[in-house]
Structures are given as C-alpha cells and as structure tokens.
PDB file of all heavy atoms in Angstrom:
ATOM      1  N   ARG A   1       0.836  -1.213   0.000  1.00  0.00           N
ATOM      2  CA  ARG A   1       0.000   0.000   0.000  1.00  0.00           C
ATOM      3  C   ARG A   1       0.867   1.257   0.000  1.00  0.00           C
ATOM      4  O   ARG A   1       1.809   1.377   0.762  1.00  0.00           O
ATOM      5  CB  ARG A   1      -0.884  -0.025   1.260  1.00  0.00           C
ATOM      6  CG  ARG A   1      -1.903   1.064   1.335  1.00  0.00           C
ATOM      7  CD  ARG A   1      -2.778   0.865   2.560  1.00  0.00           C
ATOM      8  NE  ARG A   1      -2.055   1.104   3.806  1.00  0.00           N
ATOM      9  CZ  ARG A   1      -1.899   2.302   4.374  1.00  0.00           C
ATOM     10  NH1 ARG A   1      -2.388   3.387   3.774  1.00  0.00           N
ATOM     11  NH2 ARG A   1      -1.263   2.435   5.506  1.00  0.00           N
ATOM     12  N   ASN A   2       0.539   2.195  -0.878  1.00  0.00           N
ATOM     13  CA  ASN A   2       1.257   3.477  -0.973  1.00  0.00           C
ATOM     14  C   ASN A   2       2.763   3.314  -1.172  1.00  0.00           C
ATOM     15  O   ASN A   2       3.556   4.118  -0.701  1.00  0.00           O
ATOM     16  CB  ASN A   2       1.013   4.330   0.282  1.00  0.00           C
ATOM     17  CG  ASN A   2      -0.415   4.821   0.390  1.00  0.00           C
ATOM     18  OD1 ASN A   2      -1.112   4.935  -0.615  1.00  0.00           O
ATOM     19  ND2 ASN A   2      -0.862   5.086   1.593  1.00  0.00           N
ATOM     20  N   SER A   3       3.138   2.259  -1.884  1.00  0.00           N
ATOM     21  CA  SER A   3       4.579   2.005  -2.070  1.00  0.00           C
ATOM     22  C   SER A   3       5.250   3.112  -2.880  1.00  0.00           C
ATOM     23  O   SER A   3       6.433   3.400  -2.676  1.00  0.00           O
ATOM     24  CB  SER A   3       4.806   0.656  -2.750  1.00  0.00           C
ATOM     25  OG  SER A   3       4.148   0.600  -3.999  1.00  0.00           O
ATOM     26  N   ASN A   4       4.495   3.759  -3.782  1.00  0.00           N
ATOM     27  CA  ASN A   4       5.093   4.835  -4.582  1.00  0.00           C
ATOM     28  C   ASN A   4       5.549   5.996  -3.701  1.00  0.00           C
ATOM     29  O   ASN A   4       6.621   6.564  -3.917  1.00  0.00           O
ATOM     30  CB  ASN A   4       4.101   5.343  -5.644  1.00  0.00           C
ATOM     31  CG  ASN A   4       3.924   4.351  -6.766  1.00  0.00           C
ATOM     32  OD1 ASN A   4       4.765   3.467  -6.945  1.00  0.00           O
ATOM     33  ND2 ASN A   4       2.841   4.457  -7.513  1.00  0.00           N
ATOM     34  N   SER A   5       4.736   6.346  -2.690  1.00  0.00           N
ATOM     35  CA  SER A   5       5.109   7.434  -1.776  1.00  0.00           C
ATOM     36  C   SER A   5       6.389   7.086  -1.025  1.00  0.00           C
ATOM     37  O   SER A   5       7.293   7.918  -0.876  1.00  0.00           O
ATOM     38  CB  SER A   5       3.999   7.697  -0.752  1.00  0.00           C
ATOM     39  OG  SER A   5       2.794   7.971  -1.395  1.00  0.00           O
ATOM     40  N   MET A   6       6.476   5.845  -0.549  1.00  0.00           N
ATOM     41  CA  MET A   6       7.674   5.426   0.188  1.00  0.00           C
ATOM     42  C   MET A   6       8.893   5.371  -0.720  1.00  0.00           C
ATOM     43  O   MET A   6       9.990   5.768  -0.323  1.00  0.00           O
ATOM     44  CB  MET A   6       7.443   4.053   0.831  1.00  0.00           C
ATOM     45  CG  MET A   6       6.493   4.083   2.005  1.00  0.00           C
ATOM     46  SD  MET A   6       6.487   2.534   2.931  1.00  0.00           S
ATOM     47  CE  MET A   6       5.680   1.456   1.765  1.00  0.00           C
ATOM     48  N   ARG A   7       8.685   4.912  -1.963  1.00  0.00           N
ATOM     49  CA  ARG A   7       9.822   4.823  -2.883  1.00  0.00           C
ATOM     50  C   ARG A   7      10.350   6.212  -3.235  1.00  0.00           C
ATOM     51  O   ARG A   7      11.561   6.425  -3.309  1.00  0.00           O
ATOM     52  CB  ARG A   7       9.402   4.070  -4.147  1.00  0.00           C
ATOM     53  CG  ARG A   7      10.577   3.451  -4.901  1.00  0.00           C
ATOM     54  CD  ARG A   7      10.140   2.562  -6.043  1.00  0.00           C
ATOM     55  NE  ARG A   7       9.468   1.373  -5.591  1.00  0.00           N
ATOM     56  CZ  ARG A   7       8.212   1.058  -5.881  1.00  0.00           C
ATOM     57  NH1 ARG A   7       7.485   1.869  -6.623  1.00  0.00           N
ATOM     58  NH2 ARG A   7       7.670  -0.052  -5.443  1.00  0.00           N
ATOM     59  N   GLU A   8       9.422   7.158  -3.426  1.00  0.00           N
ATOM     60  CA  GLU A   8       9.855   8.541  -3.690  1.00  0.00           C
ATOM     61  C   GLU A   8      10.641   9.101  -2.503  1.00  0.00           C
ATOM     62  O   GLU A   8      11.661   9.761  -2.684  1.00  0.00           O
ATOM     63  CB  GLU A   8       8.634   9.425  -3.965  1.00  0.00           C
ATOM     64  CG  GLU A   8       8.076   9.276  -5.361  1.00  0.00           C
ATOM     65  CD  GLU A   8       6.737   9.997  -5.525  1.00  0.00           C
ATOM     66  OE1 GLU A   8       6.446  10.900  -4.699  1.00  0.00           O
ATOM     67  OE2 GLU A   8       5.995   9.656  -6.455  1.00  0.00           O
ATOM     68  N   PHE A   9      10.169   8.826  -1.282  1.00  0.00           N
ATOM     69  CA  PHE A   9      10.878   9.276  -0.079  1.00  0.00           C
ATOM     70  C   PHE A   9      12.281   8.667  -0.034  1.00  0.00           C
ATOM     71  O   PHE A   9      13.266   9.371   0.255  1.00  0.00           O
ATOM     72  CB  PHE A   9      10.093   8.879   1.173  1.00  0.00           C
ATOM     73  CG  PHE A   9      10.817   9.186   2.456  1.00  0.00           C
ATOM     74  CD1 PHE A   9      10.749  10.453   3.026  1.00  0.00           C
ATOM     75  CD2 PHE A   9      11.587   8.222   3.086  1.00  0.00           C
ATOM     76  CE1 PHE A   9      11.432  10.748   4.196  1.00  0.00           C
ATOM     77  CE2 PHE A   9      12.274   8.498   4.251  1.00  0.00           C
ATOM     78  CZ  PHE A   9      12.197   9.767   4.808  1.00  0.00           C
ATOM     79  N   LEU A  10      12.387   7.376  -0.333  1.00  0.00           N
ATOM     80  CA  LEU A  10      13.691   6.705  -0.285  1.00  0.00           C
ATOM     81  C   LEU A  10      14.622   7.243  -1.367  1.00  0.00           C
ATOM     82  O   LEU A  10      15.823   7.401  -1.134  1.00  0.00           O
ATOM     83  CB  LEU A  10      13.506   5.189  -0.444  1.00  0.00           C
ATOM     84  CG  LEU A  10      12.877   4.473   0.755  1.00  0.00           C
ATOM     85  CD1 LEU A  10      12.447   3.058   0.371  1.00  0.00           C
ATOM     86  CD2 LEU A  10      13.835   4.429   1.934  1.00  0.00           C
ATOM     87  N   GLU A  11      14.062   7.528  -2.554  1.00  0.00           N
ATOM     88  CA  GLU A  11      14.901   8.080  -3.632  1.00  0.00           C
ATOM     89  C   GLU A  11      15.496   9.419  -3.228  1.00  0.00           C
ATOM     90  O   GLU A  11      16.650   9.725  -3.547  1.00  0.00           O
ATOM     91  CB  GLU A  11      14.074   8.224  -4.909  1.00  0.00           C
ATOM     92  CG  GLU A  11      13.847   6.898  -5.631  1.00  0.00           C
ATOM     93  CD  GLU A  11      12.820   7.007  -6.754  1.00  0.00           C
ATOM     94  OE1 GLU A  11      12.352   8.145  -7.021  1.00  0.00           O
ATOM     95  OE2 GLU A  11      12.484   5.972  -7.352  1.00  0.00           O
ATOM     96  N   LYS A  12      14.705  10.237  -2.513  1.00  0.00           N
ATOM     97  CA  LYS A  12      15.200  11.560  -2.100  1.00  0.00           C
ATOM     98  C   LYS A  12      16.192  11.468  -0.946  1.00  0.00           C
ATOM     99  O   LYS A  12      17.118  12.269  -0.857  1.00  0.00           O
ATOM    100  CB  LYS A  12      14.016  12.441  -1.662  1.00  0.00           C
ATOM    101  CG  LYS A  12      13.167  12.954  -2.810  1.00  0.00           C
ATOM    102  CD  LYS A  12      11.987  13.749  -2.272  1.00  0.00           C
ATOM    103  CE  LYS A  12      11.005  14.079  -3.382  1.00  0.00           C
ATOM    104  NZ  LYS A  12       9.730  14.605  -2.857  1.00  0.00           N
ATOM    105  N   ASN A  13      15.987  10.500  -0.046  1.00  0.00           N
ATOM    106  CA  ASN A  13      16.732  10.505   1.212  1.00  0.00           C
ATOM    107  C   ASN A  13      17.769   9.396   1.364  1.00  0.00           C
ATOM    108  O   ASN A  13      18.501   9.375   2.350  1.00  0.00           O
ATOM    109  CB  ASN A  13      15.750  10.408   2.399  1.00  0.00           C
ATOM    110  CG  ASN A  13      14.863  11.628   2.494  1.00  0.00           C
ATOM    111  OD1 ASN A  13      15.242  12.664   3.013  1.00  0.00           O
ATOM    112  ND2 ASN A  13      13.643  11.518   1.976  1.00  0.00           N
ATOM    113  N   TYR A  14      17.831   8.467   0.386  1.00  0.00           N
ATOM    114  CA  TYR A  14      18.754   7.347   0.559  1.00  0.00           C
ATOM    115  C   TYR A  14      20.196   7.782   0.399  1.00  0.00           C
ATOM    116  O   TYR A  14      20.555   8.504  -0.510  1.00  0.00           O
ATOM    117  CB  TYR A  14      18.461   6.227  -0.447  1.00  0.00           C
ATOM    118  CG  TYR A  14      19.427   5.061  -0.294  1.00  0.00           C
ATOM    119  CD1 TYR A  14      19.207   4.084   0.658  1.00  0.00           C
ATOM    120  CD2 TYR A  14      20.578   4.996  -1.067  1.00  0.00           C
ATOM    121  CE1 TYR A  14      20.098   3.045   0.841  1.00  0.00           C
ATOM    122  CE2 TYR A  14      21.480   3.951  -0.900  1.00  0.00           C
ATOM    123  CZ  TYR A  14      21.237   2.980   0.057  1.00  0.00           C
ATOM    124  OH  TYR A  14      22.136   1.959   0.239  1.00  0.00           O
ATOM    125  N   LYS A  15      21.022   7.325   1.304  1.00  0.00           N
ATOM    126  CA  LYS A  15      22.473   7.387   1.137  1.00  0.00           C
ATOM    127  C   LYS A  15      23.065   6.198   1.880  1.00  0.00           C
ATOM    128  O   LYS A  15      22.407   5.605   2.731  1.00  0.00           O
ATOM    129  CB  LYS A  15      23.052   8.713   1.647  1.00  0.00           C
ATOM    130  CG  LYS A  15      22.731   9.074   3.083  1.00  0.00           C
ATOM    131  CD  LYS A  15      23.336  10.426   3.432  1.00  0.00           C
ATOM    132  CE  LYS A  15      23.094  10.823   4.872  1.00  0.00           C
ATOM    133  NZ  LYS A  15      21.680  11.165   5.143  1.00  0.00           N
ATOM    134  N   GLU A  16      24.302   5.841   1.542  1.00  0.00           N
ATOM    135  CA  GLU A  16      24.933   4.696   2.206  1.00  0.00           C
ATOM    136  C   GLU A  16      25.000   4.950   3.702  1.00  0.00           C
ATOM    137  O   GLU A  16      25.625   5.914   4.156  1.00  0.00           O
ATOM    138  CB  GLU A  16      26.346   4.484   1.645  1.00  0.00           C
ATOM    139  CG  GLU A  16      26.374   3.936   0.234  1.00  0.00           C
ATOM    140  CD  GLU A  16      26.038   2.449   0.166  1.00  0.00           C
ATOM    141  OE1 GLU A  16      26.186   1.764   1.191  1.00  0.00           O
ATOM    142  OE2 GLU A  16      25.607   1.993  -0.911  1.00  0.00           O
ATOM    143  N   THR A  17      24.329   4.109   4.478  1.00  0.00           N
ATOM    144  CA  THR A  17      24.312   4.287   5.926  1.00  0.00           C
ATOM    145  C   THR A  17      24.723   2.980   6.599  1.00  0.00           C
ATOM    146  O   THR A  17      24.858   1.944   5.951  1.00  0.00           O
ATOM    147  CB  THR A  17      22.899   4.667   6.425  1.00  0.00           C
ATOM    148  OG1 THR A  17      21.976   3.674   5.947  1.00  0.00           O
ATOM    149  CG2 THR A  17      22.485   6.040   5.944  1.00  0.00           C
ATOM    150  N   SER A  18      24.910   3.047   7.907  1.00  0.00           N
ATOM    151  CA  SER A  18      25.217   1.836   8.667  1.00  0.00           C
ATOM    152  C   SER A  18      24.509   1.910  10.014  1.00  0.00           C
ATOM    153  O   SER A  18      24.113   2.983  10.470  1.00  0.00           O
ATOM    154  CB  SER A  18      26.738   1.705   8.876  1.00  0.00           C
ATOM    155  OG  SER A  18      27.211   2.818   9.612  1.00  0.00           O
ATOM    156  N   GLY A  19      24.333   0.733  10.622  1.00  0.00           N
ATOM    157  CA  GLY A  19      23.798   0.668  11.981  1.00  0.00           C
ATOM    158  C   GLY A  19      22.470   1.380  12.162  1.00  0.00           C
ATOM    159  O   GLY A  19      21.519   1.195  11.405  1.00  0.00           O
ATOM    160  N   GLN A  20      22.421   2.222  13.175  1.00  0.00           N
ATOM    161  CA  GLN A  20      21.183   2.881  13.605  1.00  0.00           C
ATOM    162  C   GLN A  20      20.608   3.789  12.519  1.00  0.00           C
ATOM    163  O   GLN A  20      19.388   3.925  12.406  1.00  0.00           O
ATOM    164  CB  GLN A  20      21.458   3.689  14.883  1.00  0.00           C
ATOM    165  CG  GLN A  20      20.211   4.190  15.610  1.00  0.00           C
ATOM    166  CD  GLN A  20      19.412   3.085  16.285  1.00  0.00           C
ATOM    167  OE1 GLN A  20      19.866   1.938  16.329  1.00  0.00           O
ATOM    168  NE2 GLN A  20      18.250   3.402  16.788  1.00  0.00           N
ATOM    169  N   GLU A  21      21.461   4.421  11.715  1.00  0.00           N
ATOM    170  CA  GLU A  21      20.977   5.324  10.666  1.00  0.00           C
ATOM    171  C   GLU A  21      20.153   4.573   9.617  1.00  0.00           C
ATOM    172  O   GLU A  21      19.177   5.100   9.087  1.00  0.00           O
ATOM    173  CB  GLU A  21      22.157   6.049   9.998  1.00  0.00           C
ATOM    174  CG  GLU A  21      22.816   7.106  10.866  1.00  0.00           C
ATOM    175  CD  GLU A  21      21.833   8.184  11.329  1.00  0.00           C
ATOM    176  OE1 GLU A  21      21.103   8.721  10.470  1.00  0.00           O
ATOM    177  OE2 GLU A  21      21.772   8.449  12.541  1.00  0.00           O
ATOM    178  N   THR A  22      20.544   3.331   9.321  1.00  0.00           N
ATOM    179  CA  THR A  22      19.786   2.514   8.364  1.00  0.00           C
ATOM    180  C   THR A  22      18.399   2.215   8.917  1.00  0.00           C
ATOM    181  O   THR A  22      17.394   2.277   8.197  1.00  0.00           O
ATOM    182  CB  THR A  22      20.531   1.189   8.081  1.00  0.00           C
ATOM    183  OG1 THR A  22      21.902   1.468   7.800  1.00  0.00           O
ATOM    184  CG2 THR A  22      19.924   0.454   6.904  1.00  0.00           C
ATOM    185  N   ILE A  23      18.335   1.885  10.211  1.00  0.00           N
ATOM    186  CA  ILE A  23      17.040   1.591  10.851  1.00  0.00           C
ATOM    187  C   ILE A  23      16.144   2.830  10.812  1.00  0.00           C
ATOM    188  O   ILE A  23      14.957   2.749  10.474  1.00  0.00           O
ATOM    189  CB  ILE A  23      17.250   1.134  12.315  1.00  0.00           C
ATOM    190  CG1 ILE A  23      18.126  -0.121  12.360  1.00  0.00           C
ATOM    191  CG2 ILE A  23      15.915   0.871  12.999  1.00  0.00           C
ATOM    192  CD1 ILE A  23      18.582  -0.528  13.752  1.00  0.00           C
ATOM    193  N   LYS A  24      16.729   3.987  11.117  1.00  0.00           N
ATOM    194  CA  LYS A  24      15.938   5.230  11.142  1.00  0.00           C
ATOM    195  C   LYS A  24      15.380   5.559   9.762  1.00  0.00           C
ATOM    196  O   LYS A  24      14.242   6.013   9.637  1.00  0.00           O
ATOM    197  CB  LYS A  24      16.792   6.386  11.677  1.00  0.00           C
ATOM    198  CG  LYS A  24      16.838   6.434  13.205  1.00  0.00           C
ATOM    199  CD  LYS A  24      17.909   7.336  13.733  1.00  0.00           C
ATOM    200  CE  LYS A  24      17.641   8.794  13.497  1.00  0.00           C
ATOM    201  NZ  LYS A  24      18.654   9.649  14.157  1.00  0.00           N
ATOM    202  N   LEU A  25      16.164   5.315   8.716  1.00  0.00           N
ATOM    203  CA  LEU A  25      15.697   5.597   7.353  1.00  0.00           C
ATOM    204  C   LEU A  25      14.488   4.718   7.009  1.00  0.00           C
ATOM    205  O   LEU A  25      13.499   5.195   6.439  1.00  0.00           O
ATOM    206  CB  LEU A  25      16.827   5.362   6.348  1.00  0.00           C
ATOM    207  CG  LEU A  25      16.489   5.628   4.879  1.00  0.00           C
ATOM    208  CD1 LEU A  25      16.066   7.071   4.650  1.00  0.00           C
ATOM    209  CD2 LEU A  25      17.659   5.271   3.967  1.00  0.00           C
ATOM    210  N   ALA A  26      14.541   3.435   7.384  1.00  0.00           N
ATOM    211  CA  ALA A  26      13.419   2.526   7.113  1.00  0.00           C
ATOM    212  C   ALA A  26      12.170   2.958   7.887  1.00  0.00           C
ATOM    213  O   ALA A  26      11.059   2.966   7.342  1.00  0.00           O
ATOM    214  CB  ALA A  26      13.802   1.093   7.480  1.00  0.00           C
ATOM    215  N   VAL A  27      12.343   3.345   9.155  1.00  0.00           N
ATOM    216  CA  VAL A  27      11.203   3.778   9.973  1.00  0.00           C
ATOM    217  C   VAL A  27      10.610   5.065   9.414  1.00  0.00           C
ATOM    218  O   VAL A  27       9.386   5.217   9.311  1.00  0.00           O
ATOM    219  CB  VAL A  27      11.623   3.964  11.448  1.00  0.00           C
ATOM    220  CG1 VAL A  27      10.486   4.568  12.273  1.00  0.00           C
ATOM    221  CG2 VAL A  27      12.049   2.635  12.058  1.00  0.00           C
ATOM    222  N   ARG A  28      11.476   5.999   9.005  1.00  0.00           N
ATOM    223  CA  ARG A  28      10.988   7.268   8.438  1.00  0.00           C
ATOM    224  C   ARG A  28      10.186   7.014   7.167  1.00  0.00           C
ATOM    225  O   ARG A  28       9.159   7.667   6.927  1.00  0.00           O
ATOM    226  CB  ARG A  28      12.166   8.205   8.148  1.00  0.00           C
ATOM    227  CG  ARG A  28      12.721   8.889   9.393  1.00  0.00           C
ATOM    228  CD  ARG A  28      14.045   9.563   9.113  1.00  0.00           C
ATOM    229  NE  ARG A  28      13.934  10.620   8.128  1.00  0.00           N
ATOM    230  CZ  ARG A  28      14.947  11.065   7.369  1.00  0.00           C
ATOM    231  NH1 ARG A  28      16.145  10.520   7.498  1.00  0.00           N
ATOM    232  NH2 ARG A  28      14.760  12.034   6.519  1.00  0.00           N
ATOM    233  N   ALA A  29      10.641   6.073   6.338  1.00  0.00           N
ATOM    234  CA  ALA A  29       9.909   5.749   5.104  1.00  0.00           C
ATOM    235  C   ALA A  29       8.522   5.190   5.435  1.00  0.00           C
ATOM    236  O   ALA A  29       7.520   5.567   4.821  1.00  0.00           O
ATOM    237  CB  ALA A  29      10.700   4.742   4.274  1.00  0.00           C
ATOM    238  N   LEU A  30       8.450   4.298   6.433  1.00  0.00           N
ATOM    239  CA  LEU A  30       7.156   3.732   6.819  1.00  0.00           C
ATOM    240  C   LEU A  30       6.225   4.780   7.409  1.00  0.00           C
ATOM    241  O   LEU A  30       5.016   4.754   7.179  1.00  0.00           O
ATOM    242  CB  LEU A  30       7.350   2.599   7.831  1.00  0.00           C
ATOM    243  CG  LEU A  30       7.579   1.200   7.257  1.00  0.00           C
ATOM    244  CD1 LEU A  30       7.892   0.218   8.372  1.00  0.00           C
ATOM    245  CD2 LEU A  30       6.370   0.717   6.469  1.00  0.00           C
ATOM    246  N   LEU A  31       6.796   5.712   8.177  1.00  0.00           N
ATOM    247  CA  LEU A  31       5.969   6.749   8.806  1.00  0.00           C
ATOM    248  C   LEU A  31       5.327   7.683   7.776  1.00  0.00           C
ATOM    249  O   LEU A  31       4.382   8.405   8.094  1.00  0.00           O
ATOM    250  CB  LEU A  31       6.806   7.570   9.798  1.00  0.00           C
ATOM    251  CG  LEU A  31       7.192   6.844  11.094  1.00  0.00           C
ATOM    252  CD1 LEU A  31       8.129   7.708  11.933  1.00  0.00           C
ATOM    253  CD2 LEU A  31       5.968   6.454  11.905  1.00  0.00           C
ATOM    254  N   GLU A  32       5.854   7.653   6.524  1.00  0.00           N
ATOM    255  CA  GLU A  32       5.242   8.440   5.454  1.00  0.00           C
ATOM    256  C   GLU A  32       3.815   7.972   5.161  1.00  0.00           C
ATOM    257  O   GLU A  32       2.978   8.749   4.716  1.00  0.00           O
ATOM    258  CB  GLU A  32       6.076   8.327   4.162  1.00  0.00           C
ATOM    259  CG  GLU A  32       7.424   9.027   4.205  1.00  0.00           C
ATOM    260  CD  GLU A  32       7.294  10.536   4.157  1.00  0.00           C
ATOM    261  OE1 GLU A  32       6.727  11.047   3.173  1.00  0.00           O
ATOM    262  OE2 GLU A  32       7.753  11.201   5.112  1.00  0.00           O
ATOM    263  N   VAL A  33       3.556   6.679   5.386  1.00  0.00           N
ATOM    264  CA  VAL A  33       2.245   6.121   5.003  1.00  0.00           C
ATOM    265  C   VAL A  33       1.495   5.481   6.173  1.00  0.00           C
ATOM    266  O   VAL A  33       0.301   5.226   6.070  1.00  0.00           O
ATOM    267  CB  VAL A  33       2.393   5.066   3.877  1.00  0.00           C
ATOM    268  CG1 VAL A  33       2.965   5.699   2.631  1.00  0.00           C
ATOM    269  CG2 VAL A  33       3.238   3.883   4.315  1.00  0.00           C
ATOM    270  N   VAL A  34       2.178   5.202   7.266  1.00  0.00           N
ATOM    271  CA  VAL A  34       1.531   4.525   8.400  1.00  0.00           C
ATOM    272  C   VAL A  34       1.063   5.562   9.412  1.00  0.00           C
ATOM    273  O   VAL A  34       1.837   6.416   9.840  1.00  0.00           O
ATOM    274  CB  VAL A  34       2.500   3.534   9.078  1.00  0.00           C
ATOM    275  CG1 VAL A  34       1.861   2.927  10.314  1.00  0.00           C
ATOM    276  CG2 VAL A  34       2.898   2.430   8.103  1.00  0.00           C
ATOM    277  N   GLU A  35      -0.204   5.457   9.780  1.00  0.00           N
ATOM    278  CA  GLU A  35      -0.730   6.375  10.784  1.00  0.00           C
ATOM    279  C   GLU A  35      -0.514   5.790  12.183  1.00  0.00           C
ATOM    280  O   GLU A  35      -0.247   4.619  12.335  1.00  0.00           O
ATOM    281  CB  GLU A  35      -2.230   6.593  10.533  1.00  0.00           C
ATOM    282  CG  GLU A  35      -2.496   7.330   9.226  1.00  0.00           C
ATOM    283  CD  GLU A  35      -3.947   7.249   8.810  1.00  0.00           C
ATOM    284  OE1 GLU A  35      -4.752   6.774   9.622  1.00  0.00           O
ATOM    285  OE2 GLU A  35      -4.257   7.638   7.670  1.00  0.00           O
ATOM    286  N   SER A  36      -0.622   6.626  13.168  1.00  0.00           N
ATOM    287  CA  SER A  36      -0.512   6.272  14.593  1.00  0.00           C
ATOM    288  C   SER A  36       0.854   5.717  14.977  1.00  0.00           C
ATOM    289  O   SER A  36       0.977   4.913  15.892  1.00  0.00           O
ATOM    290  CB  SER A  36      -1.631   5.306  15.017  1.00  0.00           C
ATOM    291  OG  SER A  36      -1.472   4.042  14.421  1.00  0.00           O
ATOM    292  N   GLY A  37       1.894   6.137  14.241  1.00  0.00           N
ATOM    293  CA  GLY A  37       3.276   5.952  14.699  1.00  0.00           C
ATOM    294  C   GLY A  37       3.731   4.526  14.898  1.00  0.00           C
ATOM    295  O   GLY A  37       3.345   3.610  14.190  1.00  0.00           O
ATOM    296  N   GLY A  38       4.583   4.353  15.939  1.00  0.00           N
ATOM    297  CA  GLY A  38       5.326   3.118  16.115  1.00  0.00           C
ATOM    298  C   GLY A  38       4.511   1.880  16.434  1.00  0.00           C
ATOM    299  O   GLY A  38       4.962   0.770  16.165  1.00  0.00           O
ATOM    300  N   LYS A  39       3.308   2.033  16.987  1.00  0.00           N
ATOM    301  CA  LYS A  39       2.574   0.826  17.405  1.00  0.00           C
ATOM    302  C   LYS A  39       2.054   0.018  16.225  1.00  0.00           C
ATOM    303  O   LYS A  39       1.685  -1.142  16.393  1.00  0.00           O
ATOM    304  CB  LYS A  39       1.446   1.194  18.373  1.00  0.00           C
ATOM    305  CG  LYS A  39       0.319   2.002  17.767  1.00  0.00           C
ATOM    306  CD  LYS A  39      -0.757   2.273  18.807  1.00  0.00           C
ATOM    307  CE  LYS A  39      -1.902   3.071  18.200  1.00  0.00           C
ATOM    308  NZ  LYS A  39      -2.916   3.413  19.192  1.00  0.00           N
ATOM    309  N   ASN A  40       2.002   0.620  15.030  1.00  0.00           N
ATOM    310  CA  ASN A  40       1.557  -0.114  13.841  1.00  0.00           C
ATOM    311  C   ASN A  40       2.713  -0.460  12.903  1.00  0.00           C
ATOM    312  O   ASN A  40       2.522  -0.629  11.708  1.00  0.00           O
ATOM    313  CB  ASN A  40       0.504   0.696  13.072  1.00  0.00           C
ATOM    314  CG  ASN A  40      -0.847   0.628  13.737  1.00  0.00           C
ATOM    315  OD1 ASN A  40      -0.992  -0.005  14.776  1.00  0.00           O
ATOM    316  ND2 ASN A  40      -1.832   1.272  13.155  1.00  0.00           N
ATOM    317  N   ILE A  41       3.910  -0.544  13.463  1.00  0.00           N
ATOM    318  CA  ILE A  41       5.100  -0.830  12.661  1.00  0.00           C
ATOM    319  C   ILE A  41       5.818  -2.048  13.244  1.00  0.00           C
ATOM    320  O   ILE A  41       5.944  -2.187  14.454  1.00  0.00           O
ATOM    321  CB  ILE A  41       6.055   0.382  12.638  1.00  0.00           C
ATOM    322  CG1 ILE A  41       5.466   1.525  11.801  1.00  0.00           C
ATOM    323  CG2 ILE A  41       7.423   0.006  12.086  1.00  0.00           C
ATOM    324  CD1 ILE A  41       6.295   2.786  11.833  1.00  0.00           C
ATOM    325  N   GLU A  42       6.269  -2.924  12.345  1.00  0.00           N
ATOM    326  CA  GLU A  42       7.095  -4.071  12.745  1.00  0.00           C
ATOM    327  C   GLU A  42       8.441  -3.920  12.038  1.00  0.00           C
ATOM    328  O   GLU A  42       8.486  -3.740  10.816  1.00  0.00           O
ATOM    329  CB  GLU A  42       6.398  -5.366  12.330  1.00  0.00           C
ATOM    330  CG  GLU A  42       7.071  -6.631  12.789  1.00  0.00           C
ATOM    331  CD  GLU A  42       6.322  -7.872  12.300  1.00  0.00           C
ATOM    332  OE1 GLU A  42       5.082  -7.827  12.210  1.00  0.00           O
ATOM    333  OE2 GLU A  42       6.990  -8.872  11.994  1.00  0.00           O
ATOM    334  N   ILE A  43       9.528  -3.961  12.791  1.00  0.00           N
ATOM    335  CA  ILE A  43      10.863  -3.761  12.228  1.00  0.00           C
ATOM    336  C   ILE A  43      11.750  -4.950  12.598  1.00  0.00           C
ATOM    337  O   ILE A  43      11.740  -5.414  13.743  1.00  0.00           O
ATOM    338  CB  ILE A  43      11.522  -2.467  12.778  1.00  0.00           C
ATOM    339  CG1 ILE A  43      10.701  -1.231  12.393  1.00  0.00           C
ATOM    340  CG2 ILE A  43      12.968  -2.328  12.269  1.00  0.00           C
ATOM    341  CD1 ILE A  43      10.789  -0.819  10.947  1.00  0.00           C
TER     342      ILE A  43
END
C-alpha cells in the first residue's frame, strides 16, 4: 500500500548508511504512510 510514496521518499533521502541510521531511514519511510506511529510498525 502506498509504495510509490515510500519509494519517492527513499529516492530523495537514501544514502549509504550503517547501523542505527539505516534503521531510522526505514522507519521514516514507513511513517510516510503509516498512521498512529510506532505501534503499527514491525521492524
């Protein structure tokens, strides 16, 4: 669902990352389309 919005976000914000920064990028991409924050996210 809404994969185009997430892909556009990743295209704008992706850079080679490691560790915690990689996790944050994935969470930020999901938060673009997921409502009510962390409780509806599985990482």
